[in-house]
N, C-alpha and C. Protein backbone atom coordinates (compact mmCIF):
# COMPACT_ATOMS: atom_id res chain seq x y z
N MET A 1 92.76 101.42 108.87
CA MET A 1 93.19 100.18 109.02
C MET A 1 93.93 100.06 110.32
N SER A 2 94.55 99.34 110.62
CA SER A 2 95.67 99.58 111.58
C SER A 2 96.11 97.72 111.84
N LEU A 3 97.23 97.15 112.77
CA LEU A 3 97.48 96.17 113.20
C LEU A 3 97.97 96.13 114.43
N SER A 4 96.78 95.08 114.76
CA SER A 4 97.18 94.67 115.98
C SER A 4 98.22 94.34 116.38
N PRO A 5 99.15 94.46 117.90
CA PRO A 5 100.95 94.60 118.61
C PRO A 5 100.65 93.18 117.88
N GLU A 6 100.22 92.19 118.24
CA GLU A 6 100.43 90.73 117.98
C GLU A 6 100.43 90.36 116.18
N GLU A 7 99.89 91.23 115.74
CA GLU A 7 99.53 91.57 113.73
C GLU A 7 101.17 91.61 113.93
N ILE A 8 101.79 92.83 114.01
CA ILE A 8 103.04 93.18 113.91
C ILE A 8 104.22 92.62 114.27
N GLU A 9 103.65 91.60 115.62
CA GLU A 9 105.31 90.83 115.22
C GLU A 9 104.57 89.42 114.77
N ALA A 10 104.07 88.95 114.47
CA ALA A 10 103.92 88.15 113.57
C ALA A 10 104.16 88.02 112.34
N ASN A 11 104.05 89.07 111.75
CA ASN A 11 104.48 89.50 110.00
C ASN A 11 106.41 89.79 110.70
N TRP A 12 106.54 90.20 111.75
CA TRP A 12 108.21 90.91 111.84
C TRP A 12 108.66 89.14 112.13
N LYS A 13 108.09 88.28 112.06
CA LYS A 13 108.42 87.08 112.24
C LYS A 13 108.34 86.32 110.85
N LYS A 14 107.43 86.63 110.11
CA LYS A 14 107.26 85.56 109.00
C LYS A 14 108.63 85.95 108.26
N PHE A 15 108.78 87.77 108.33
CA PHE A 15 109.30 88.57 107.31
C PHE A 15 110.83 87.93 107.44
N ARG A 16 111.36 87.85 108.87
CA ARG A 16 112.99 87.64 109.35
C ARG A 16 112.85 86.39 108.86
N SER A 17 111.61 85.31 108.94
CA SER A 17 112.33 83.67 108.63
C SER A 17 112.49 83.80 106.89
N LEU A 18 112.34 84.56 106.27
CA LEU A 18 111.56 84.78 105.15
C LEU A 18 113.50 84.76 104.71
N ILE A 19 113.53 86.38 104.97
CA ILE A 19 115.13 86.76 105.12
C ILE A 19 116.02 85.97 105.05
N SER A 20 115.65 84.93 106.72
CA SER A 20 116.63 83.47 106.18
C SER A 20 116.82 82.72 105.35
N LYS A 21 116.08 83.45 104.48
CA LYS A 21 115.98 81.77 103.35
C LYS A 21 116.91 82.43 102.48
N LEU A 22 117.87 83.23 102.28
CA LEU A 22 118.33 83.34 101.47
C LEU A 22 120.37 82.77 101.25
N GLY A 23 120.31 81.77 101.63
CA GLY A 23 121.15 80.51 101.41
C GLY A 23 122.70 82.00 101.97
N ASP A 24 123.64 82.03 101.29
CA ASP A 24 124.87 82.55 101.80
C ASP A 24 124.85 84.05 102.06
N ARG A 25 123.88 84.65 101.50
CA ARG A 25 123.36 86.13 102.04
C ARG A 25 122.49 86.33 103.06
N SER A 26 122.05 85.45 103.44
CA SER A 26 120.67 85.37 104.64
C SER A 26 121.78 85.80 106.05
N GLN A 27 122.88 85.84 106.05
CA GLN A 27 123.10 85.93 107.37
C GLN A 27 123.58 87.78 107.56
N THR A 28 124.28 88.26 106.18
CA THR A 28 123.73 89.60 105.97
C THR A 28 122.99 90.14 106.02
N ALA A 29 121.92 89.65 105.45
CA ALA A 29 119.95 90.23 105.49
C ALA A 29 119.33 90.13 106.52
N LEU A 30 120.23 89.87 107.27
CA LEU A 30 119.19 89.47 108.95
C LEU A 30 120.81 90.27 109.63
N ASN A 31 121.83 90.73 109.63
CA ASN A 31 122.13 92.16 109.91
C ASN A 31 121.96 93.24 109.65
N LEU A 32 121.42 93.11 108.27
CA LEU A 32 120.61 94.28 107.82
C LEU A 32 119.33 95.05 108.69
N VAL A 33 118.73 93.69 108.50
CA VAL A 33 117.07 93.51 109.73
C VAL A 33 117.76 94.25 110.86
N ASP A 34 118.17 92.97 111.61
CA ASP A 34 118.31 93.77 113.14
C ASP A 34 118.89 95.17 112.87
N SER A 35 119.40 95.21 112.69
CA SER A 35 120.64 96.81 112.78
C SER A 35 119.22 97.60 112.11
N LEU A 36 118.43 97.43 111.75
CA LEU A 36 117.48 98.80 111.29
C LEU A 36 116.27 98.01 112.70
N GLY A 37 116.01 96.66 113.20
CA GLY A 37 115.72 96.56 113.96
C GLY A 37 113.99 97.08 114.16
N GLU A 38 113.68 97.25 115.27
CA GLU A 38 112.15 98.25 115.16
C GLU A 38 111.41 99.27 114.79
N ARG A 39 113.21 99.75 113.76
CA ARG A 39 112.56 101.56 113.06
C ARG A 39 111.87 100.58 111.92
N LEU A 40 112.54 99.27 111.02
CA LEU A 40 111.72 98.94 110.56
C LEU A 40 110.55 97.73 110.56
N CYS A 41 110.09 97.24 111.49
CA CYS A 41 109.41 96.70 112.25
C CYS A 41 108.09 97.36 111.97
N LEU A 42 108.09 98.94 112.76
CA LEU A 42 106.98 99.61 113.08
C LEU A 42 106.71 100.67 111.52
N CYS A 43 107.91 100.53 111.25
CA CYS A 43 107.77 101.69 109.90
C CYS A 43 106.60 101.87 109.13
N PRO A 44 105.73 102.54 108.30
CA PRO A 44 104.75 102.75 108.03
C PRO A 44 104.71 102.08 106.22
N ALA A 45 103.98 102.43 105.74
CA ALA A 45 104.31 102.64 104.20
C ALA A 45 104.34 103.08 103.73
N SER A 46 102.91 104.27 104.35
CA SER A 46 103.00 105.95 103.43
C SER A 46 102.45 106.37 104.73
N SER A 47 102.16 108.20 104.37
CA SER A 47 102.45 109.06 105.33
C SER A 47 100.73 109.24 105.21
N ARG A 48 99.77 109.30 104.35
CA ARG A 48 98.45 109.78 104.47
C ARG A 48 97.96 108.64 104.66
N THR A 49 96.64 108.80 104.97
CA THR A 49 95.38 107.80 105.31
C THR A 49 95.00 107.06 104.54
N GLN A 50 95.12 108.31 102.89
CA GLN A 50 94.13 107.63 101.73
C GLN A 50 95.59 107.56 100.63
N TYR A 51 96.38 107.35 101.11
CA TYR A 51 97.36 105.44 100.79
C TYR A 51 97.08 104.42 100.87
N HIS A 52 98.49 103.67 101.31
CA HIS A 52 98.11 102.88 101.96
C HIS A 52 99.22 102.25 102.73
N ASN A 53 98.32 101.64 104.23
CA ASN A 53 99.23 101.45 105.09
C ASN A 53 99.79 102.52 105.82
N ALA A 54 98.90 103.41 106.25
CA ALA A 54 99.83 104.52 107.42
C ALA A 54 99.83 104.12 108.09
N PHE A 55 100.64 103.15 108.79
CA PHE A 55 100.42 103.15 110.55
C PHE A 55 101.52 102.01 110.83
N PRO A 56 101.73 102.42 111.81
CA PRO A 56 102.46 101.27 111.71
C PRO A 56 102.82 99.89 111.95
N GLY A 57 103.96 99.33 111.57
CA GLY A 57 103.98 97.89 110.77
C GLY A 57 103.33 97.89 109.68
N GLY A 58 103.04 98.64 109.09
CA GLY A 58 102.26 98.79 107.81
C GLY A 58 103.91 98.50 106.90
N LEU A 59 104.57 98.87 106.69
CA LEU A 59 105.68 98.91 105.44
C LEU A 59 106.16 96.76 105.46
N VAL A 60 106.24 96.57 106.62
CA VAL A 60 105.94 94.86 106.74
C VAL A 60 105.05 94.28 106.32
N ASP A 61 103.87 94.99 106.51
CA ASP A 61 102.48 94.53 105.79
C ASP A 61 102.65 94.24 104.63
N HIS A 62 102.48 95.07 104.60
CA HIS A 62 103.17 95.74 102.57
C HIS A 62 103.84 95.41 101.63
N SER A 63 105.30 95.06 102.25
CA SER A 63 106.30 94.18 101.40
C SER A 63 105.66 92.76 101.83
N LEU A 64 105.62 92.09 102.50
CA LEU A 64 105.03 90.70 102.80
C LEU A 64 103.39 90.44 101.79
N ARG A 65 103.16 91.15 101.36
CA ARG A 65 101.85 91.36 100.78
C ARG A 65 102.22 91.74 99.28
N VAL A 66 103.43 92.08 99.14
CA VAL A 66 104.30 91.79 97.53
C VAL A 66 104.58 91.23 97.69
N LEU A 67 105.19 89.91 98.61
CA LEU A 67 105.84 88.96 97.66
C LEU A 67 104.83 87.98 97.07
N GLY A 68 104.16 88.39 98.52
CA GLY A 68 102.58 86.78 97.92
C GLY A 68 102.76 87.13 96.61
N ASN A 69 101.90 88.56 96.14
CA ASN A 69 101.34 88.65 94.95
C ASN A 69 102.52 88.75 93.83
N ALA A 70 103.81 88.78 93.97
CA ALA A 70 105.14 88.11 93.11
C ALA A 70 104.73 86.86 93.09
N LEU A 71 104.55 85.99 93.60
CA LEU A 71 104.63 84.59 93.76
C LEU A 71 103.02 84.23 93.25
N LYS A 72 102.29 84.66 92.97
CA LYS A 72 100.93 84.52 92.33
C LYS A 72 101.59 85.09 90.44
N LEU A 73 102.21 85.70 90.87
CA LEU A 73 102.28 86.16 89.19
C LEU A 73 103.42 85.20 88.93
N THR A 74 104.90 84.91 89.20
CA THR A 74 105.57 83.93 88.47
C THR A 74 104.36 82.66 88.61
N ASN A 75 103.50 82.25 89.48
CA ASN A 75 103.00 81.20 88.99
C ASN A 75 101.84 80.97 88.38
N ALA A 76 101.23 82.25 88.02
CA ALA A 76 100.40 82.40 87.16
C ALA A 76 101.03 82.15 85.52
N PHE A 77 102.24 82.68 85.28
CA PHE A 77 102.62 82.95 83.63
C PHE A 77 103.56 81.62 83.90
N ASP A 78 104.33 81.09 85.16
CA ASP A 78 105.34 79.95 84.94
C ASP A 78 106.43 80.82 84.61
N TRP A 79 107.24 81.92 85.30
CA TRP A 79 108.33 82.16 85.16
C TRP A 79 109.21 82.05 86.18
N GLU A 80 110.48 81.41 86.04
CA GLU A 80 111.65 80.93 86.74
C GLU A 80 111.71 82.61 87.39
N LEU A 81 112.18 82.45 88.64
CA LEU A 81 112.67 83.45 89.06
C LEU A 81 113.64 82.37 90.22
N PRO A 82 115.02 83.31 90.43
CA PRO A 82 116.14 83.16 91.70
C PRO A 82 114.86 83.82 93.15
N LYS A 83 114.39 82.06 93.78
CA LYS A 83 114.25 82.34 94.97
C LYS A 83 115.02 83.15 95.88
N ASP A 84 115.59 83.54 96.07
CA ASP A 84 116.57 84.62 97.04
C ASP A 84 116.68 85.99 96.19
N SER A 85 116.31 86.27 94.79
CA SER A 85 116.23 87.10 93.92
C SER A 85 114.78 87.70 94.62
N LEU A 86 113.92 86.99 94.22
CA LEU A 86 112.44 86.83 94.46
C LEU A 86 111.61 87.89 95.47
N ILE A 87 112.75 86.94 97.13
CA ILE A 87 112.79 87.52 98.55
C ILE A 87 113.42 89.14 98.58
N ILE A 88 114.18 89.18 98.16
CA ILE A 88 115.52 90.41 98.24
C ILE A 88 114.66 92.05 97.64
N GLY A 89 113.87 91.03 96.50
CA GLY A 89 113.14 92.63 95.22
C GLY A 89 112.02 92.71 95.99
N THR A 90 111.08 91.96 96.98
CA THR A 90 109.91 92.21 97.28
C THR A 90 109.91 92.73 98.63
N LEU A 91 110.87 91.89 99.00
CA LEU A 91 110.69 92.85 101.14
C LEU A 91 111.25 93.69 101.01
N PHE A 92 112.50 93.63 100.45
CA PHE A 92 113.58 94.96 100.48
C PHE A 92 113.11 96.48 99.35
N HIS A 93 111.76 95.83 98.78
CA HIS A 93 111.53 97.28 97.07
C HIS A 93 111.55 98.77 98.32
N ASP A 94 111.05 98.76 99.27
CA ASP A 94 110.41 99.79 99.89
C ASP A 94 111.11 100.13 101.00
N LEU A 95 112.47 99.26 100.80
CA LEU A 95 113.57 99.58 102.31
C LEU A 95 113.45 100.93 103.00
N GLY A 96 113.87 102.16 101.49
CA GLY A 96 114.31 103.25 102.21
C GLY A 96 113.45 104.12 102.84
N LYS A 97 112.46 103.50 103.00
CA LYS A 97 110.79 103.82 103.92
C LYS A 97 111.17 104.02 104.68
N VAL A 98 112.03 103.10 105.92
CA VAL A 98 112.98 103.42 107.37
C VAL A 98 113.80 104.57 107.35
N GLY A 99 114.30 105.46 106.15
CA GLY A 99 115.35 106.21 106.39
C GLY A 99 116.57 106.00 106.27
N ASN A 100 117.81 106.16 106.97
CA ASN A 100 119.23 105.48 106.37
C ASN A 100 119.20 104.62 107.84
N GLU A 101 120.88 104.43 107.63
CA GLU A 101 121.12 103.40 109.02
C GLU A 101 121.10 103.94 110.76
N SER A 102 120.36 105.53 110.37
CA SER A 102 120.18 105.96 112.00
C SER A 102 119.25 106.75 111.92
N ALA A 103 118.54 107.55 111.25
CA ALA A 103 117.29 107.86 111.45
C ALA A 103 116.25 107.49 110.65
N ASP A 104 114.72 108.34 110.80
CA ASP A 104 113.62 108.04 110.62
C ASP A 104 113.53 108.58 109.14
N TYR A 105 112.84 108.26 107.97
CA TYR A 105 111.67 108.95 107.16
C TYR A 105 111.00 109.11 107.47
N TYR A 106 110.18 108.74 107.91
CA TYR A 106 108.74 109.44 108.03
C TYR A 106 108.68 109.16 109.57
N ILE A 107 108.41 110.55 110.32
CA ILE A 107 108.04 111.10 111.65
C ILE A 107 106.54 111.12 112.28
N GLN A 108 106.43 111.50 112.93
CA GLN A 108 105.07 111.66 113.61
C GLN A 108 104.87 112.82 113.00
N GLN A 109 103.15 113.25 112.32
CA GLN A 109 103.16 114.44 112.26
C GLN A 109 102.84 115.48 112.88
N ASN A 110 103.38 116.29 113.29
CA ASN A 110 102.95 116.98 115.04
C ASN A 110 101.64 118.84 114.35
N ASP A 111 102.21 118.28 112.94
CA ASP A 111 100.79 120.23 112.71
C ASP A 111 99.17 119.23 113.10
N GLY A 112 98.71 119.16 113.65
CA GLY A 112 97.16 118.94 113.86
C GLY A 112 96.19 119.45 112.92
N TRP A 113 96.49 119.96 112.11
CA TRP A 113 95.61 120.52 111.07
C TRP A 113 95.72 119.94 109.99
N ARG A 114 97.04 119.50 109.45
CA ARG A 114 97.72 118.31 108.43
C ARG A 114 96.96 117.29 108.39
N ALA A 115 97.32 116.94 109.80
CA ALA A 115 96.63 115.50 110.49
C ALA A 115 95.02 115.12 110.15
N ASP A 116 94.56 115.78 110.79
CA ASP A 116 92.84 116.24 110.58
C ASP A 116 92.25 116.52 109.28
N LYS A 117 93.22 117.59 108.04
CA LYS A 117 92.11 117.84 107.20
C LYS A 117 92.72 117.18 106.16
N LEU A 118 94.36 116.51 106.41
CA LEU A 118 94.44 116.09 105.47
C LEU A 118 95.60 114.51 105.45
N GLY A 119 94.99 113.83 106.76
CA GLY A 119 95.17 112.61 106.88
C GLY A 119 96.79 112.22 107.26
N GLU A 120 97.76 112.87 107.19
CA GLU A 120 98.74 113.25 106.83
C GLU A 120 99.48 111.86 109.09
N GLU A 121 98.89 111.04 108.77
CA GLU A 121 99.95 110.56 109.67
C GLU A 121 101.08 110.94 110.33
N TYR A 122 101.85 110.66 109.39
CA TYR A 122 103.47 110.85 109.67
C TYR A 122 103.91 111.74 108.39
N LYS A 123 105.83 112.46 108.75
CA LYS A 123 105.68 113.80 107.12
C LYS A 123 107.18 113.38 107.56
N HIS A 124 107.78 113.38 106.08
CA HIS A 124 109.19 113.16 105.78
C HIS A 124 110.02 113.90 106.83
N ASN A 125 111.23 113.21 107.03
CA ASN A 125 112.21 113.57 108.25
C ASN A 125 113.38 114.96 107.47
N ASP A 126 112.93 116.00 107.30
CA ASP A 126 113.69 116.86 106.25
C ASP A 126 115.31 116.75 107.04
N GLU A 127 115.36 116.20 108.05
CA GLU A 127 116.82 116.45 108.24
C GLU A 127 117.46 115.59 107.41
N LEU A 128 116.85 114.02 107.06
CA LEU A 128 118.10 113.37 105.98
C LEU A 128 118.48 113.97 104.97
N PRO A 129 119.62 113.25 104.52
CA PRO A 129 119.86 114.28 103.39
C PRO A 129 118.91 113.45 102.41
N TYR A 130 118.64 114.52 101.14
CA TYR A 130 117.68 114.13 99.91
C TYR A 130 117.98 112.61 99.48
N MET A 131 117.69 111.81 99.27
CA MET A 131 117.86 110.49 98.17
C MET A 131 116.05 109.87 98.17
N THR A 132 115.88 109.68 96.95
CA THR A 132 114.94 109.09 96.52
C THR A 132 114.81 107.48 97.20
N VAL A 133 113.96 106.95 97.88
CA VAL A 133 112.87 106.03 98.01
C VAL A 133 114.20 104.68 97.92
N PRO A 134 113.82 104.49 96.81
CA PRO A 134 113.91 103.62 96.03
C PRO A 134 115.88 103.69 96.49
N GLU A 135 116.89 104.44 95.78
CA GLU A 135 117.64 104.43 95.74
C GLU A 135 118.23 104.46 97.52
N ARG A 136 117.58 105.15 98.06
CA ARG A 136 117.91 104.87 99.46
C ARG A 136 118.41 103.23 99.75
N GLY A 137 117.07 102.85 99.39
CA GLY A 137 116.55 101.40 99.50
C GLY A 137 117.93 100.67 99.34
N VAL A 138 118.79 100.58 98.03
CA VAL A 138 119.83 100.49 97.32
C VAL A 138 120.96 100.45 98.40
N TYR A 139 121.18 102.03 98.65
CA TYR A 139 122.27 102.48 99.94
C TYR A 139 122.32 101.92 100.96
N LEU A 140 121.01 101.64 101.90
CA LEU A 140 121.08 100.45 102.82
C LEU A 140 121.14 99.62 102.81
N CYS A 141 121.24 98.68 101.36
CA CYS A 141 121.68 97.27 101.17
C CYS A 141 123.25 97.31 100.65
N ASN A 142 123.66 98.30 100.46
CA ASN A 142 125.61 97.84 100.59
C ASN A 142 125.69 98.19 101.67
N HIS A 143 125.44 99.62 102.50
CA HIS A 143 125.67 99.62 103.42
C HIS A 143 126.02 98.92 104.42
N PHE A 144 124.85 97.29 104.61
CA PHE A 144 124.91 97.07 105.11
C PHE A 144 125.55 95.63 104.83
N GLY A 145 126.38 95.82 103.96
CA GLY A 145 127.08 94.68 103.07
C GLY A 145 126.41 93.71 101.91
N LEU A 146 125.26 93.72 102.13
CA LEU A 146 124.24 92.99 101.07
C LEU A 146 124.16 93.05 99.56
N LYS A 147 125.11 92.35 98.97
CA LYS A 147 125.48 92.78 97.74
C LYS A 147 123.92 92.01 97.15
N LEU A 148 123.39 92.88 96.26
CA LEU A 148 122.49 92.83 94.89
C LEU A 148 122.93 92.45 93.41
N THR A 149 122.14 91.96 93.01
CA THR A 149 122.48 91.34 91.43
C THR A 149 121.99 92.43 90.71
N HIS A 150 122.50 92.73 89.32
CA HIS A 150 121.82 93.36 89.01
C HIS A 150 121.03 93.95 88.67
N ASP A 151 119.36 92.46 88.80
CA ASP A 151 117.89 92.74 88.39
C ASP A 151 117.48 92.57 89.79
N GLU A 152 118.51 92.42 91.42
CA GLU A 152 117.86 93.24 92.46
C GLU A 152 117.71 94.17 92.21
N THR A 153 118.89 95.37 92.47
CA THR A 153 119.06 96.44 92.27
C THR A 153 118.29 97.22 91.03
N LEU A 154 117.73 96.78 90.17
CA LEU A 154 116.99 97.14 89.19
C LEU A 154 115.49 96.99 89.83
N ALA A 155 115.42 95.84 90.30
CA ALA A 155 113.63 95.61 90.94
C ALA A 155 113.39 96.50 92.01
N ILE A 156 114.20 97.10 92.58
CA ILE A 156 114.40 98.30 93.56
C ILE A 156 114.05 99.48 93.22
N ARG A 157 114.94 99.84 92.30
CA ARG A 157 115.25 100.83 92.04
C ARG A 157 114.03 101.69 91.05
N LEU A 158 113.33 100.32 90.64
CA LEU A 158 112.34 100.70 89.69
C LEU A 158 110.59 100.43 90.37
N ASN A 159 110.98 100.00 91.40
CA ASN A 159 109.55 99.56 91.94
C ASN A 159 108.70 100.55 92.07
N ASP A 160 108.70 102.09 91.36
CA ASP A 160 108.03 102.86 91.43
C ASP A 160 107.16 102.67 90.62
N GLY A 161 107.99 101.84 89.41
CA GLY A 161 107.43 102.27 87.94
C GLY A 161 107.31 103.55 86.75
N TRP A 162 106.88 103.55 85.79
CA TRP A 162 107.23 104.20 84.71
C TRP A 162 106.47 105.50 84.59
N ILE A 163 105.83 106.20 85.70
CA ILE A 163 105.14 106.97 85.75
C ILE A 163 105.84 107.92 86.53
N LEU A 164 107.27 107.72 86.89
CA LEU A 164 108.12 108.21 87.47
C LEU A 164 109.36 108.40 85.97
N ASN A 165 109.73 109.85 85.76
CA ASN A 165 110.55 109.79 84.74
C ASN A 165 111.61 109.08 84.65
N GLU A 166 112.23 109.10 86.19
CA GLU A 166 113.84 108.73 85.88
C GLU A 166 113.75 107.41 85.63
N ASN A 167 112.08 106.28 85.91
CA ASN A 167 112.45 104.78 85.52
C ASN A 167 112.19 104.76 83.94
N LYS A 168 111.94 105.70 83.05
CA LYS A 168 111.36 105.81 81.88
C LYS A 168 112.22 105.08 81.24
N PRO A 169 113.78 105.54 80.71
CA PRO A 169 114.94 104.52 80.13
C PRO A 169 114.48 103.16 80.26
N TYR A 170 114.34 103.01 81.52
CA TYR A 170 114.35 101.44 81.68
C TYR A 170 112.90 100.92 80.78
N CYS A 171 111.67 101.37 80.28
CA CYS A 171 110.95 100.76 79.20
C CYS A 171 110.79 99.88 78.43
N LEU A 172 111.01 98.86 79.24
CA LEU A 172 110.77 97.98 78.44
C LEU A 172 112.00 97.11 77.71
N LYS A 173 112.53 97.34 78.85
CA LYS A 173 114.03 96.92 78.74
C LYS A 173 114.30 96.22 79.88
N GLU A 174 113.86 96.71 81.38
CA GLU A 174 114.35 95.70 82.58
C GLU A 174 113.77 94.72 82.72
N PRO A 175 114.96 94.23 83.69
CA PRO A 175 114.39 92.25 84.09
C PRO A 175 112.98 91.98 84.56
N LEU A 176 113.32 90.78 84.11
CA LEU A 176 112.21 90.02 84.54
C LEU A 176 111.60 90.22 86.52
N LEU A 177 112.67 90.13 86.97
CA LEU A 177 112.07 90.15 88.04
C LEU A 177 111.65 92.06 88.63
N ALA A 178 112.07 93.19 88.07
CA ALA A 178 111.82 93.84 88.21
C ALA A 178 110.24 94.50 87.97
N HIS A 179 110.12 93.69 86.46
CA HIS A 179 108.29 94.03 86.45
C HIS A 179 107.73 93.09 87.45
N VAL A 180 108.08 92.27 87.57
CA VAL A 180 107.40 91.08 88.94
C VAL A 180 107.28 91.83 89.72
N VAL A 181 108.38 92.78 90.29
CA VAL A 181 108.39 93.45 91.65
C VAL A 181 106.90 94.61 91.78
N MET A 182 107.41 95.45 90.44
CA MET A 182 107.06 96.58 90.10
C MET A 182 105.13 96.42 89.86
N THR A 183 105.13 95.43 89.89
CA THR A 183 103.72 94.97 89.29
C THR A 183 102.80 94.31 90.82
N ALA A 184 103.77 93.71 91.04
CA ALA A 184 103.26 93.04 92.95
C ALA A 184 102.90 94.26 93.25
N ASP A 185 103.82 95.06 93.93
CA ASP A 185 103.57 96.15 94.26
C ASP A 185 102.74 97.08 94.03
N TYR A 186 102.36 97.14 92.80
CA TYR A 186 100.88 98.13 92.37
C TYR A 186 99.79 97.60 92.83
N ILE A 187 99.77 96.05 92.97
CA ILE A 187 98.73 95.49 93.16
C ILE A 187 98.51 95.31 94.66
N ALA A 188 99.49 95.04 95.15
CA ALA A 188 99.67 95.71 97.06
C ALA A 188 98.59 96.66 97.21
N THR A 189 99.26 97.92 96.85
CA THR A 189 98.71 98.80 97.25
C THR A 189 97.47 99.40 96.47
N MET A 190 96.97 98.93 95.20
CA MET A 190 95.37 98.80 95.38
C MET A 190 94.71 98.34 96.25
N GLN A 191 95.15 96.65 97.03
CA GLN A 191 94.27 95.81 97.50
C GLN A 191 94.29 96.43 99.64
N GLU A 192 95.37 97.04 99.50
CA GLU A 192 95.38 97.88 100.66
C GLU A 192 94.63 99.27 100.71
N GLY A 193 94.55 100.04 99.40
CA GLY A 193 93.69 101.29 99.38
C GLY A 193 91.65 100.91 99.29
N GLY A 194 91.82 100.04 99.29
CA GLY A 194 90.53 98.43 98.98
C GLY A 194 89.60 99.07 97.60
N LYS A 195 91.00 99.05 96.62
CA LYS A 195 89.96 99.32 94.82
C LYS A 195 90.98 98.45 94.33
N PHE A 196 91.53 96.69 94.90
CA PHE A 196 91.34 95.44 94.20
C PHE A 196 91.15 94.51 95.72
N PRO A 197 90.14 93.41 95.49
CA PRO A 197 90.32 92.87 96.06
C PRO A 197 91.63 92.05 96.93
């Protein structure tokens, strides 16, 4: 799968429009998004074709799908979460995949064998200082001055679920927002991989 330039542009406009609805944090969040600009707009959601959305614009497309799933979950269970927290938690859950403030996390795979045989469209930029994707997402928010609530911080940090050892201490102690983002992210990943309708 891939996105046309028109689809990438439409997703980007929708993404920015949602970010502009964060109340008194809107301008700071827009500054973050606009500073990352094209790097965020064209960032893939993963590195390999057998994963999900490993194509330009894949991250924004994925993040919008996570928000859609989160809204379905909260509506289905009649859960009330602050709108701005839901937007931040979902649209920024994988923000760290962009990289840091000046360098990309995903770079084009230049090894033809790895691209052909392993489906690696991208590779991780080894020149970036090591940081997990969730921690880098929180770092980017902090770097650009976007203040996160406790629940938003944990929604970003825990989005990869309990499969990760570093997340296990939070199991059954996470705030509702973190659980919603984690579940919506999992569903979106399965949808993009063709495993869920």
